[in-house]
Amino acid sequence: MPTLFHAPFTCSLAARFAAAEAGVELEIEPLHLRSKNLAAGGSLYDVNPLGQVSVLSFDDGTKLTETSAVIAWIQVQSKDNDFRISPDSPEYFQMLRWLAFCATELHKGLFRVVFYKEATDEVKDRVRALAPLRFQIIEDHLNGRDYLLGNRFSAADAYLTWFFVLSDHAKVDHSAFPNLNAYRARALSRPTIAALIDDDRALDRRLKELFSA
């Protein structure tokens, strides 16, 4: 069974969302992101020289990095026809489009700077000011849709849902976008999503007790 190296509330939670919704089983290897320590011993740097998640490790020793790639792999493994999208389908490329949008415009484009402790408040505010244009794109797309690809929760939604787990903490204001806010409430209230968020809260407390000075 593949192993997902996971730090609470980081982007690897998006991969956990995807796996749970897809019915794909993964072993979870918890880690403390700030110290890079693995709960089972060793360092995240031994797994990924960049010291970043997501990382999926396979039984043959090969690894898959980058959250969008990990989520795309998970969705292909799903046997749930309401979740899995065949690579032969035009919808597959729409899914890849939104995975890429989440990875570049939201995750790296916004969170990477806002959560970077060395960035000044001025720089963070300038980056936050870029958010409304990106939100408007999603807002318009969600008009008449429950989720990014229509009325079913897809792998791309797993990534976007993770963004909204942290958006308040990042002080990114999306209150002016009704479709976006309805989407956020809908996605975060899904039983599998809510359960994993609760699980991450407990895991975060445990890892801080283990590794925080």
N, C-alpha and C. Protein backbone atom coordinates (compact mmCIF):
# COMPACT_ATOMS: atom_id res chain seq x y z
N MET A 1 0.84 -1.19 0.00
CA MET A 1 0.00 0.00 0.00
C MET A 1 0.89 1.25 0.00
N PRO A 2 0.60 2.24 -0.84
CA PRO A 2 1.40 3.47 -0.85
C PRO A 2 1.34 4.20 0.48
N THR A 3 2.41 4.90 0.79
CA THR A 3 2.50 5.68 2.03
C THR A 3 2.53 7.16 1.70
N LEU A 4 1.65 7.91 2.34
CA LEU A 4 1.63 9.36 2.19
C LEU A 4 2.30 9.99 3.40
N PHE A 5 3.36 10.74 3.17
CA PHE A 5 4.01 11.48 4.24
C PHE A 5 3.20 12.75 4.48
N HIS A 6 2.74 12.90 5.72
CA HIS A 6 1.71 13.91 5.98
C HIS A 6 2.02 14.74 7.21
N ALA A 7 2.01 16.07 7.02
CA ALA A 7 2.08 17.02 8.11
C ALA A 7 0.72 17.68 8.26
N PRO A 8 0.18 17.76 9.46
CA PRO A 8 -1.18 18.28 9.65
C PRO A 8 -1.38 19.65 9.02
N PHE A 9 -2.49 19.76 8.32
CA PHE A 9 -2.98 21.00 7.71
C PHE A 9 -2.14 21.52 6.56
N THR A 10 -1.09 20.81 6.19
CA THR A 10 -0.35 21.19 4.99
C THR A 10 -1.08 20.63 3.77
N CYS A 11 -0.50 20.87 2.60
CA CYS A 11 -1.15 20.46 1.36
C CYS A 11 -1.34 18.95 1.25
N SER A 12 -0.59 18.17 2.04
CA SER A 12 -0.82 16.72 2.01
C SER A 12 -2.21 16.37 2.54
N LEU A 13 -2.84 17.30 3.27
CA LEU A 13 -4.23 17.08 3.68
C LEU A 13 -5.14 17.04 2.46
N ALA A 14 -4.82 17.80 1.43
CA ALA A 14 -5.61 17.74 0.19
C ALA A 14 -5.55 16.35 -0.42
N ALA A 15 -4.38 15.72 -0.35
CA ALA A 15 -4.24 14.35 -0.84
C ALA A 15 -5.06 13.38 0.01
N ARG A 16 -5.09 13.62 1.32
CA ARG A 16 -5.93 12.79 2.19
C ARG A 16 -7.41 12.98 1.86
N PHE A 17 -7.81 14.21 1.59
CA PHE A 17 -9.20 14.46 1.17
C PHE A 17 -9.52 13.65 -0.09
N ALA A 18 -8.63 13.72 -1.07
CA ALA A 18 -8.86 13.01 -2.32
C ALA A 18 -8.96 11.50 -2.11
N ALA A 19 -8.03 10.96 -1.32
CA ALA A 19 -8.04 9.51 -1.08
C ALA A 19 -9.30 9.07 -0.37
N ALA A 20 -9.74 9.82 0.62
CA ALA A 20 -10.95 9.45 1.36
C ALA A 20 -12.18 9.51 0.46
N GLU A 21 -12.29 10.55 -0.33
CA GLU A 21 -13.44 10.67 -1.22
C GLU A 21 -13.39 9.65 -2.35
N ALA A 22 -12.18 9.24 -2.75
CA ALA A 22 -12.01 8.29 -3.84
C ALA A 22 -12.12 6.84 -3.39
N GLY A 23 -12.04 6.61 -2.08
CA GLY A 23 -12.01 5.24 -1.58
C GLY A 23 -10.69 4.55 -1.83
N VAL A 24 -9.61 5.32 -1.86
CA VAL A 24 -8.27 4.78 -2.10
C VAL A 24 -7.53 4.73 -0.76
N GLU A 25 -7.05 3.55 -0.38
CA GLU A 25 -6.38 3.40 0.91
C GLU A 25 -4.91 3.80 0.82
N LEU A 26 -4.48 4.56 1.80
CA LEU A 26 -3.08 4.97 1.92
C LEU A 26 -2.61 4.76 3.35
N GLU A 27 -1.37 4.38 3.51
CA GLU A 27 -0.73 4.44 4.82
C GLU A 27 -0.33 5.88 5.07
N ILE A 28 -0.54 6.36 6.28
CA ILE A 28 -0.19 7.73 6.61
C ILE A 28 1.04 7.73 7.52
N GLU A 29 2.09 8.41 7.07
CA GLU A 29 3.32 8.56 7.86
C GLU A 29 3.35 10.00 8.38
N PRO A 30 3.00 10.22 9.65
CA PRO A 30 2.93 11.59 10.16
C PRO A 30 4.33 12.20 10.32
N LEU A 31 4.37 13.52 10.20
CA LEU A 31 5.62 14.23 10.41
C LEU A 31 5.34 15.62 10.95
N HIS A 32 6.36 16.16 11.63
CA HIS A 32 6.31 17.52 12.18
C HIS A 32 7.02 18.42 11.19
N LEU A 33 6.27 19.29 10.50
CA LEU A 33 6.85 20.00 9.37
C LEU A 33 7.95 20.96 9.77
N ARG A 34 7.79 21.67 10.87
CA ARG A 34 8.80 22.67 11.23
C ARG A 34 10.16 22.03 11.50
N SER A 35 10.17 20.91 12.21
CA SER A 35 11.44 20.24 12.50
C SER A 35 11.84 19.24 11.42
N LYS A 36 10.90 18.89 10.55
CA LYS A 36 11.08 17.88 9.50
C LYS A 36 11.23 16.47 10.06
N ASN A 37 10.90 16.28 11.34
CA ASN A 37 11.02 14.96 11.95
C ASN A 37 9.82 14.08 11.62
N LEU A 38 10.10 12.83 11.26
CA LEU A 38 9.04 11.85 11.06
C LEU A 38 8.68 11.22 12.40
N ALA A 39 7.40 10.98 12.61
CA ALA A 39 6.97 10.38 13.88
C ALA A 39 7.60 9.02 14.09
N ALA A 40 7.85 8.28 13.01
CA ALA A 40 8.44 6.95 13.11
C ALA A 40 9.96 6.98 13.17
N GLY A 41 10.55 8.17 13.12
CA GLY A 41 12.00 8.30 13.12
C GLY A 41 12.53 8.70 11.76
N GLY A 42 13.60 9.46 11.75
CA GLY A 42 14.16 9.93 10.50
C GLY A 42 13.66 11.33 10.16
N SER A 43 14.07 11.78 8.98
CA SER A 43 13.79 13.14 8.56
C SER A 43 13.06 13.16 7.23
N LEU A 44 12.22 14.17 7.06
CA LEU A 44 11.56 14.36 5.77
C LEU A 44 12.58 14.58 4.66
N TYR A 45 13.73 15.17 4.99
CA TYR A 45 14.75 15.39 3.98
C TYR A 45 15.27 14.08 3.38
N ASP A 46 15.16 13.00 4.14
CA ASP A 46 15.55 11.69 3.61
C ASP A 46 14.57 11.19 2.56
N VAL A 47 13.36 11.73 2.60
CA VAL A 47 12.29 11.32 1.69
C VAL A 47 12.22 12.26 0.50
N ASN A 48 12.32 13.55 0.77
CA ASN A 48 12.29 14.58 -0.27
C ASN A 48 13.35 15.62 0.07
N PRO A 49 14.39 15.76 -0.74
CA PRO A 49 15.46 16.71 -0.43
C PRO A 49 14.99 18.15 -0.25
N LEU A 50 13.81 18.48 -0.78
CA LEU A 50 13.27 19.82 -0.60
C LEU A 50 12.63 20.00 0.78
N GLY A 51 12.43 18.91 1.49
CA GLY A 51 11.80 18.99 2.80
C GLY A 51 10.36 19.42 2.74
N GLN A 52 9.66 19.02 1.67
CA GLN A 52 8.29 19.44 1.45
C GLN A 52 7.37 18.24 1.27
N VAL A 53 6.11 18.44 1.58
CA VAL A 53 5.06 17.51 1.22
C VAL A 53 4.27 18.16 0.08
N SER A 54 3.55 17.37 -0.71
CA SER A 54 3.17 15.98 -0.53
C SER A 54 4.22 15.04 -1.13
N VAL A 55 4.37 13.88 -0.48
CA VAL A 55 5.21 12.81 -0.99
C VAL A 55 4.45 11.50 -0.82
N LEU A 56 4.34 10.75 -1.92
CA LEU A 56 3.72 9.44 -1.90
C LEU A 56 4.80 8.42 -2.22
N SER A 57 4.99 7.43 -1.33
CA SER A 57 6.03 6.43 -1.50
C SER A 57 5.39 5.07 -1.81
N PHE A 58 5.91 4.39 -2.82
CA PHE A 58 5.35 3.12 -3.25
C PHE A 58 6.19 1.95 -2.75
N ASP A 59 5.60 0.77 -2.81
CA ASP A 59 6.25 -0.42 -2.26
C ASP A 59 7.58 -0.73 -2.93
N ASP A 60 7.73 -0.32 -4.19
CA ASP A 60 8.98 -0.60 -4.90
C ASP A 60 10.06 0.45 -4.63
N GLY A 61 9.76 1.40 -3.76
CA GLY A 61 10.74 2.41 -3.39
C GLY A 61 10.64 3.70 -4.18
N THR A 62 9.88 3.71 -5.25
CA THR A 62 9.72 4.94 -6.03
C THR A 62 8.82 5.93 -5.27
N LYS A 63 8.98 7.20 -5.59
CA LYS A 63 8.23 8.25 -4.90
C LYS A 63 7.61 9.20 -5.91
N LEU A 64 6.48 9.75 -5.52
CA LEU A 64 5.80 10.75 -6.32
C LEU A 64 5.65 12.00 -5.46
N THR A 65 6.15 13.12 -5.95
CA THR A 65 6.04 14.38 -5.22
C THR A 65 5.12 15.33 -5.99
N GLU A 66 4.84 16.47 -5.38
CA GLU A 66 3.96 17.52 -5.88
C GLU A 66 2.50 17.11 -5.63
N THR A 67 1.81 17.95 -4.90
CA THR A 67 0.45 17.64 -4.47
C THR A 67 -0.48 17.39 -5.65
N SER A 68 -0.38 18.20 -6.68
CA SER A 68 -1.28 18.01 -7.82
C SER A 68 -1.05 16.65 -8.49
N ALA A 69 0.20 16.21 -8.58
CA ALA A 69 0.49 14.90 -9.17
C ALA A 69 -0.01 13.77 -8.27
N VAL A 70 0.18 13.92 -6.97
CA VAL A 70 -0.29 12.91 -6.02
C VAL A 70 -1.81 12.78 -6.10
N ILE A 71 -2.50 13.90 -6.14
CA ILE A 71 -3.97 13.86 -6.21
C ILE A 71 -4.42 13.25 -7.54
N ALA A 72 -3.75 13.59 -8.63
CA ALA A 72 -4.11 13.01 -9.93
C ALA A 72 -3.91 11.49 -9.92
N TRP A 73 -2.83 11.03 -9.29
CA TRP A 73 -2.60 9.59 -9.19
C TRP A 73 -3.71 8.93 -8.37
N ILE A 74 -4.09 9.53 -7.27
CA ILE A 74 -5.13 8.98 -6.41
C ILE A 74 -6.43 8.83 -7.19
N GLN A 75 -6.82 9.83 -7.94
CA GLN A 75 -8.11 9.76 -8.61
C GLN A 75 -8.13 8.68 -9.69
N VAL A 76 -6.99 8.42 -10.32
CA VAL A 76 -6.93 7.36 -11.33
C VAL A 76 -7.11 5.99 -10.69
N GLN A 77 -6.70 5.84 -9.41
CA GLN A 77 -6.83 4.54 -8.73
C GLN A 77 -8.25 4.27 -8.24
N SER A 78 -9.09 5.30 -8.19
CA SER A 78 -10.42 5.14 -7.61
C SER A 78 -11.29 4.21 -8.44
N LYS A 79 -12.06 3.39 -7.74
CA LYS A 79 -13.04 2.53 -8.39
C LYS A 79 -14.45 3.13 -8.31
N ASP A 80 -14.53 4.33 -7.75
CA ASP A 80 -15.80 5.03 -7.62
C ASP A 80 -16.05 5.83 -8.90
N ASN A 81 -17.05 5.41 -9.68
CA ASN A 81 -17.30 6.07 -10.96
C ASN A 81 -17.80 7.50 -10.81
N ASP A 82 -18.27 7.85 -9.61
CA ASP A 82 -18.67 9.23 -9.38
C ASP A 82 -17.49 10.13 -9.08
N PHE A 83 -16.33 9.51 -8.81
CA PHE A 83 -15.13 10.28 -8.49
C PHE A 83 -14.09 10.19 -9.61
N ARG A 84 -13.86 8.98 -10.08
CA ARG A 84 -12.80 8.77 -11.07
C ARG A 84 -13.22 9.34 -12.42
N ILE A 85 -12.28 10.00 -13.06
CA ILE A 85 -12.48 10.53 -14.40
C ILE A 85 -11.45 9.89 -15.32
N SER A 86 -11.91 9.26 -16.37
CA SER A 86 -11.00 8.60 -17.30
C SER A 86 -10.13 9.61 -18.03
N PRO A 87 -8.85 9.28 -18.21
CA PRO A 87 -7.98 10.17 -19.00
C PRO A 87 -8.48 10.39 -20.43
N ASP A 88 -9.39 9.54 -20.90
CA ASP A 88 -9.96 9.71 -22.24
C ASP A 88 -11.06 10.76 -22.29
N SER A 89 -11.50 11.19 -21.12
CA SER A 89 -12.61 12.14 -21.06
C SER A 89 -12.11 13.58 -21.13
N PRO A 90 -12.84 14.45 -21.84
CA PRO A 90 -12.47 15.88 -21.81
C PRO A 90 -12.49 16.45 -20.40
N GLU A 91 -13.34 15.89 -19.53
CA GLU A 91 -13.39 16.37 -18.15
C GLU A 91 -12.07 16.15 -17.42
N TYR A 92 -11.31 15.15 -17.85
CA TYR A 92 -10.04 14.86 -17.20
C TYR A 92 -9.12 16.07 -17.29
N PHE A 93 -9.11 16.72 -18.44
CA PHE A 93 -8.22 17.86 -18.62
C PHE A 93 -8.75 19.10 -17.90
N GLN A 94 -10.06 19.19 -17.73
CA GLN A 94 -10.60 20.25 -16.88
C GLN A 94 -10.18 20.02 -15.42
N MET A 95 -10.18 18.76 -15.01
CA MET A 95 -9.71 18.45 -13.66
C MET A 95 -8.25 18.86 -13.50
N LEU A 96 -7.41 18.53 -14.50
CA LEU A 96 -6.01 18.92 -14.44
C LEU A 96 -5.86 20.43 -14.44
N ARG A 97 -6.70 21.10 -15.19
CA ARG A 97 -6.67 22.57 -15.20
C ARG A 97 -6.87 23.13 -13.80
N TRP A 98 -7.88 22.61 -13.09
CA TRP A 98 -8.17 23.16 -11.76
C TRP A 98 -7.16 22.71 -10.73
N LEU A 99 -6.60 21.53 -10.90
CA LEU A 99 -5.49 21.13 -10.03
C LEU A 99 -4.31 22.09 -10.20
N ALA A 100 -4.00 22.42 -11.44
CA ALA A 100 -2.90 23.34 -11.70
C ALA A 100 -3.22 24.74 -11.17
N PHE A 101 -4.45 25.18 -11.32
CA PHE A 101 -4.87 26.49 -10.81
C PHE A 101 -4.68 26.55 -9.29
N CYS A 102 -5.13 25.50 -8.61
CA CYS A 102 -4.98 25.46 -7.15
C CYS A 102 -3.51 25.46 -6.75
N ALA A 103 -2.71 24.71 -7.49
CA ALA A 103 -1.29 24.59 -7.14
C ALA A 103 -0.53 25.89 -7.36
N THR A 104 -0.81 26.57 -8.48
CA THR A 104 -0.01 27.74 -8.84
C THR A 104 -0.61 29.06 -8.36
N GLU A 105 -1.89 29.24 -8.59
CA GLU A 105 -2.51 30.54 -8.29
C GLU A 105 -2.90 30.69 -6.82
N LEU A 106 -3.25 29.58 -6.16
CA LEU A 106 -3.69 29.66 -4.78
C LEU A 106 -2.62 29.19 -3.80
N HIS A 107 -2.14 27.97 -4.00
CA HIS A 107 -1.19 27.39 -3.05
C HIS A 107 0.14 28.14 -3.09
N LYS A 108 0.83 28.08 -4.22
CA LYS A 108 2.13 28.74 -4.32
C LYS A 108 1.99 30.25 -4.49
N GLY A 109 0.98 30.67 -5.23
CA GLY A 109 0.83 32.09 -5.51
C GLY A 109 0.42 32.91 -4.30
N LEU A 110 -0.37 32.34 -3.41
CA LEU A 110 -0.84 33.07 -2.24
C LEU A 110 -0.23 32.54 -0.94
N PHE A 111 -0.51 31.29 -0.64
CA PHE A 111 -0.08 30.74 0.65
C PHE A 111 1.43 30.74 0.82
N ARG A 112 2.16 30.47 -0.27
CA ARG A 112 3.61 30.35 -0.15
C ARG A 112 4.22 31.62 0.42
N VAL A 113 3.64 32.77 0.06
CA VAL A 113 4.16 34.04 0.56
C VAL A 113 3.53 34.42 1.88
N VAL A 114 2.22 34.29 1.98
CA VAL A 114 1.51 34.72 3.19
C VAL A 114 1.99 33.96 4.42
N PHE A 115 2.34 32.68 4.25
CA PHE A 115 2.79 31.88 5.38
C PHE A 115 4.32 31.84 5.51
N TYR A 116 5.00 32.63 4.70
CA TYR A 116 6.46 32.69 4.77
C TYR A 116 6.85 33.71 5.84
N LYS A 117 7.39 33.23 6.93
CA LYS A 117 7.57 34.11 8.10
C LYS A 117 8.57 35.23 7.85
N GLU A 118 9.48 35.06 6.88
CA GLU A 118 10.44 36.11 6.60
C GLU A 118 9.85 37.24 5.75
N ALA A 119 8.69 37.01 5.13
CA ALA A 119 8.08 38.05 4.30
C ALA A 119 7.54 39.17 5.18
N THR A 120 7.71 40.40 4.72
CA THR A 120 7.20 41.54 5.48
C THR A 120 5.68 41.62 5.37
N ASP A 121 5.07 42.34 6.29
CA ASP A 121 3.61 42.53 6.23
C ASP A 121 3.20 43.23 4.95
N GLU A 122 4.02 44.14 4.48
CA GLU A 122 3.71 44.85 3.23
C GLU A 122 3.68 43.89 2.05
N VAL A 123 4.64 43.00 1.98
CA VAL A 123 4.67 42.02 0.90
C VAL A 123 3.47 41.08 1.00
N LYS A 124 3.15 40.63 2.20
CA LYS A 124 2.01 39.74 2.38
C LYS A 124 0.71 40.41 1.96
N ASP A 125 0.55 41.68 2.30
CA ASP A 125 -0.67 42.40 1.93
C ASP A 125 -0.76 42.59 0.41
N ARG A 126 0.37 42.82 -0.22
CA ARG A 126 0.37 42.95 -1.68
C ARG A 126 -0.02 41.64 -2.35
N VAL A 127 0.40 40.54 -1.78
CA VAL A 127 0.03 39.23 -2.32
C VAL A 127 -1.46 38.96 -2.07
N ARG A 128 -1.92 39.31 -0.87
CA ARG A 128 -3.36 39.14 -0.58
C ARG A 128 -4.23 39.94 -1.55
N ALA A 129 -3.71 41.08 -1.98
CA ALA A 129 -4.47 41.92 -2.91
C ALA A 129 -4.64 41.27 -4.29
N LEU A 130 -3.85 40.22 -4.56
CA LEU A 130 -3.99 39.48 -5.82
C LEU A 130 -5.15 38.48 -5.76
N ALA A 131 -5.62 38.18 -4.57
CA ALA A 131 -6.62 37.11 -4.41
C ALA A 131 -7.94 37.39 -5.09
N PRO A 132 -8.51 38.60 -5.02
CA PRO A 132 -9.85 38.79 -5.58
C PRO A 132 -9.99 38.41 -7.06
N LEU A 133 -8.99 38.70 -7.87
CA LEU A 133 -9.07 38.32 -9.29
C LEU A 133 -9.15 36.81 -9.43
N ARG A 134 -8.36 36.09 -8.64
CA ARG A 134 -8.40 34.64 -8.70
C ARG A 134 -9.74 34.12 -8.18
N PHE A 135 -10.24 34.72 -7.11
CA PHE A 135 -11.53 34.31 -6.58
C PHE A 135 -12.65 34.58 -7.58
N GLN A 136 -12.55 35.67 -8.32
CA GLN A 136 -13.60 35.99 -9.29
C GLN A 136 -13.67 34.93 -10.38
N ILE A 137 -12.51 34.42 -10.78
CA ILE A 137 -12.49 33.36 -11.80
C ILE A 137 -13.25 32.13 -11.30
N ILE A 138 -12.99 31.74 -10.05
CA ILE A 138 -13.70 30.58 -9.50
C ILE A 138 -15.17 30.91 -9.27
N GLU A 139 -15.44 32.11 -8.78
CA GLU A 139 -16.82 32.56 -8.54
C GLU A 139 -17.67 32.42 -9.81
N ASP A 140 -17.16 32.93 -10.91
CA ASP A 140 -17.89 32.87 -12.18
C ASP A 140 -18.06 31.43 -12.64
N HIS A 141 -17.02 30.64 -12.48
CA HIS A 141 -17.08 29.24 -12.91
C HIS A 141 -18.11 28.45 -12.10
N LEU A 142 -18.25 28.76 -10.83
CA LEU A 142 -19.15 28.01 -9.96
C LEU A 142 -20.62 28.40 -10.12
N ASN A 143 -20.89 29.40 -10.94
CA ASN A 143 -22.28 29.80 -11.16
C ASN A 143 -23.07 28.63 -11.77
N GLY A 144 -24.02 28.11 -11.03
CA GLY A 144 -24.80 26.97 -11.49
C GLY A 144 -24.15 25.62 -11.24
N ARG A 145 -23.01 25.60 -10.56
CA ARG A 145 -22.32 24.35 -10.25
C ARG A 145 -22.15 24.21 -8.74
N ASP A 146 -22.27 22.99 -8.24
CA ASP A 146 -21.96 22.74 -6.83
C ASP A 146 -20.46 22.61 -6.62
N TYR A 147 -19.78 22.01 -7.60
CA TYR A 147 -18.35 21.77 -7.49
C TYR A 147 -17.66 22.16 -8.80
N LEU A 148 -16.37 22.03 -8.86
CA LEU A 148 -15.61 22.53 -10.00
C LEU A 148 -15.98 21.86 -11.31
N LEU A 149 -16.35 20.58 -11.25
CA LEU A 149 -16.70 19.86 -12.47
C LEU A 149 -18.19 19.56 -12.56
N GLY A 150 -18.98 20.31 -11.87
CA GLY A 150 -20.43 20.12 -11.94
C GLY A 150 -21.02 19.81 -10.59
N ASN A 151 -21.74 18.72 -10.52
CA ASN A 151 -22.43 18.37 -9.27
C ASN A 151 -21.77 17.24 -8.51
N ARG A 152 -20.55 16.87 -8.90
CA ARG A 152 -19.84 15.83 -8.16
C ARG A 152 -18.50 16.37 -7.65
N PHE A 153 -18.13 15.91 -6.49
CA PHE A 153 -16.86 16.28 -5.87
C PHE A 153 -15.75 15.52 -6.59
N SER A 154 -14.77 16.25 -7.09
CA SER A 154 -13.69 15.65 -7.87
C SER A 154 -12.36 15.80 -7.15
N ALA A 155 -11.32 15.25 -7.76
CA ALA A 155 -9.98 15.38 -7.21
C ALA A 155 -9.56 16.84 -7.11
N ALA A 156 -9.96 17.65 -8.09
CA ALA A 156 -9.62 19.08 -8.03
C ALA A 156 -10.28 19.76 -6.84
N ASP A 157 -11.48 19.33 -6.51
CA ASP A 157 -12.17 19.89 -5.34
C ASP A 157 -11.42 19.58 -4.05
N ALA A 158 -10.75 18.44 -4.00
CA ALA A 158 -9.97 18.10 -2.81
C ALA A 158 -8.90 19.17 -2.55
N TYR A 159 -8.27 19.65 -3.61
CA TYR A 159 -7.23 20.67 -3.48
C TYR A 159 -7.84 22.02 -3.10
N LEU A 160 -8.92 22.39 -3.77
CA LEU A 160 -9.55 23.67 -3.47
C LEU A 160 -10.14 23.68 -2.06
N THR A 161 -10.68 22.56 -1.62
CA THR A 161 -11.23 22.47 -0.27
C THR A 161 -10.13 22.70 0.76
N TRP A 162 -8.95 22.13 0.52
CA TRP A 162 -7.83 22.35 1.44
C TRP A 162 -7.49 23.84 1.54
N PHE A 163 -7.55 24.55 0.42
CA PHE A 163 -7.28 25.99 0.45
C PHE A 163 -8.20 26.69 1.45
N PHE A 164 -9.45 26.28 1.47
CA PHE A 164 -10.41 26.94 2.35
C PHE A 164 -10.29 26.49 3.81
N VAL A 165 -9.59 25.40 4.06
CA VAL A 165 -9.29 25.04 5.45
C VAL A 165 -8.40 26.12 6.07
N LEU A 166 -7.50 26.69 5.26
CA LEU A 166 -6.51 27.63 5.77
C LEU A 166 -6.75 29.08 5.38
N SER A 167 -7.76 29.35 4.58
CA SER A 167 -7.92 30.70 4.04
C SER A 167 -8.15 31.75 5.13
N ASP A 168 -8.93 31.41 6.15
CA ASP A 168 -9.13 32.37 7.24
C ASP A 168 -7.83 32.64 7.98
N HIS A 169 -7.07 31.59 8.23
CA HIS A 169 -5.80 31.73 8.93
C HIS A 169 -4.83 32.60 8.12
N ALA A 170 -4.95 32.52 6.80
CA ALA A 170 -4.09 33.31 5.92
C ALA A 170 -4.59 34.75 5.78
N LYS A 171 -5.74 35.05 6.37
CA LYS A 171 -6.35 36.38 6.31
C LYS A 171 -6.60 36.80 4.86
N VAL A 172 -7.12 35.82 4.10
CA VAL A 172 -7.50 36.07 2.72
C VAL A 172 -9.03 36.22 2.69
N ASP A 173 -9.49 37.38 2.29
CA ASP A 173 -10.91 37.70 2.38
C ASP A 173 -11.66 37.28 1.12
N HIS A 174 -12.60 36.34 1.27
CA HIS A 174 -13.43 35.93 0.14
C HIS A 174 -14.91 36.15 0.44
N SER A 175 -15.20 37.06 1.37
CA SER A 175 -16.58 37.28 1.80
C SER A 175 -17.45 37.89 0.70
N ALA A 176 -16.85 38.54 -0.30
CA ALA A 176 -17.63 39.20 -1.34
C ALA A 176 -18.04 38.26 -2.47
N PHE A 177 -17.77 36.96 -2.32
CA PHE A 177 -18.01 36.01 -3.41
C PHE A 177 -19.01 34.95 -2.96
N PRO A 178 -20.29 35.13 -3.23
CA PRO A 178 -21.32 34.22 -2.69
C PRO A 178 -21.19 32.78 -3.18
N ASN A 179 -20.89 32.58 -4.45
CA ASN A 179 -20.75 31.20 -4.95
C ASN A 179 -19.57 30.50 -4.27
N LEU A 180 -18.50 31.26 -4.08
CA LEU A 180 -17.30 30.72 -3.45
C LEU A 180 -17.57 30.35 -2.00
N ASN A 181 -18.28 31.21 -1.29
CA ASN A 181 -18.58 30.94 0.11
C ASN A 181 -19.54 29.79 0.28
N ALA A 182 -20.51 29.67 -0.63
CA ALA A 182 -21.42 28.52 -0.58
C ALA A 182 -20.66 27.24 -0.87
N TYR A 183 -19.73 27.30 -1.82
CA TYR A 183 -18.88 26.15 -2.11
C TYR A 183 -18.07 25.75 -0.89
N ARG A 184 -17.46 26.73 -0.25
CA ARG A 184 -16.64 26.46 0.93
C ARG A 184 -17.45 25.75 2.01
N ALA A 185 -18.63 26.27 2.30
CA ALA A 185 -19.48 25.65 3.32
C ALA A 185 -19.88 24.24 2.91
N ARG A 186 -20.20 24.06 1.64
CA ARG A 186 -20.63 22.75 1.14
C ARG A 186 -19.50 21.74 1.24
N ALA A 187 -18.32 22.14 0.82
CA ALA A 187 -17.19 21.21 0.80
C ALA A 187 -16.73 20.85 2.21
N LEU A 188 -16.62 21.85 3.08
CA LEU A 188 -16.11 21.60 4.43
C LEU A 188 -17.10 20.82 5.29
N SER A 189 -18.36 20.79 4.89
CA SER A 189 -19.35 20.04 5.66
C SER A 189 -19.49 18.59 5.21
N ARG A 190 -18.77 18.20 4.17
CA ARG A 190 -18.82 16.79 3.74
C ARG A 190 -18.27 15.92 4.87
N PRO A 191 -18.94 14.83 5.21
CA PRO A 191 -18.52 14.03 6.37
C PRO A 191 -17.07 13.57 6.31
N THR A 192 -16.60 13.13 5.15
CA THR A 192 -15.22 12.66 5.06
C THR A 192 -14.23 13.80 5.29
N ILE A 193 -14.57 14.97 4.78
CA ILE A 193 -13.69 16.13 4.93
C ILE A 193 -13.65 16.58 6.39
N ALA A 194 -14.84 16.71 6.99
CA ALA A 194 -14.92 17.16 8.39
C ALA A 194 -14.17 16.20 9.32
N ALA A 195 -14.29 14.89 9.05
CA ALA A 195 -13.63 13.89 9.90
C ALA A 195 -12.11 14.01 9.80
N LEU A 196 -11.59 14.26 8.60
CA LEU A 196 -10.15 14.37 8.43
C LEU A 196 -9.61 15.66 9.04
N ILE A 197 -10.38 16.72 9.01
CA ILE A 197 -9.96 17.96 9.67
C ILE A 197 -9.86 17.73 11.18
N ASP A 198 -10.84 17.06 11.74
CA ASP A 198 -10.79 16.73 13.18
C ASP A 198 -9.59 15.84 13.48
N ASP A 199 -9.32 14.89 12.60
CA ASP A 199 -8.18 13.99 12.79
C ASP A 199 -6.87 14.77 12.76
N ASP A 200 -6.77 15.75 11.87
CA ASP A 200 -5.55 16.55 11.79
C ASP A 200 -5.36 17.41 13.04
N ARG A 201 -6.44 17.90 13.61
CA ARG A 201 -6.31 18.67 14.85
C ARG A 201 -5.67 17.82 15.95
N ALA A 202 -6.15 16.59 16.08
CA ALA A 202 -5.61 15.69 17.10
C ALA A 202 -4.16 15.33 16.78
N LEU A 203 -3.88 15.06 15.51
CA LEU A 203 -2.52 14.71 15.10
C LEU A 203 -1.56 15.88 15.32
N ASP A 204 -2.02 17.08 15.04
CA ASP A 204 -1.19 18.27 15.23
C ASP A 204 -0.79 18.42 16.70
N ARG A 205 -1.74 18.21 17.60
CA ARG A 205 -1.44 18.31 19.03
C ARG A 205 -0.41 17.26 19.43
N ARG A 206 -0.57 16.05 18.92
CA ARG A 206 0.35 14.97 19.30
C ARG A 206 1.76 15.24 18.80
N LEU A 207 1.89 15.71 17.55
CA LEU A 207 3.20 15.97 17.01
C LEU A 207 3.89 17.15 17.68
N LYS A 208 3.12 18.15 18.08
CA LYS A 208 3.72 19.29 18.80
C LYS A 208 4.24 18.83 20.16
N GLU A 209 3.53 17.94 20.81
CA GLU A 209 4.02 17.40 22.08
C GLU A 209 5.32 16.61 21.89
N LEU A 210 5.42 15.91 20.77
CA LEU A 210 6.60 15.09 20.51
C LEU A 210 7.82 15.91 20.14
N PHE A 211 7.62 16.96 19.33
CA PHE A 211 8.77 17.61 18.70
C PHE A 211 8.97 19.08 19.01
N SER A 212 7.99 19.74 19.58
CA SER A 212 8.17 21.15 19.86
C SER A 212 8.98 21.36 21.12
N ALA A 213 9.92 22.26 21.04
CA ALA A 213 10.77 22.52 22.21
C ALA A 213 10.00 23.33 23.25
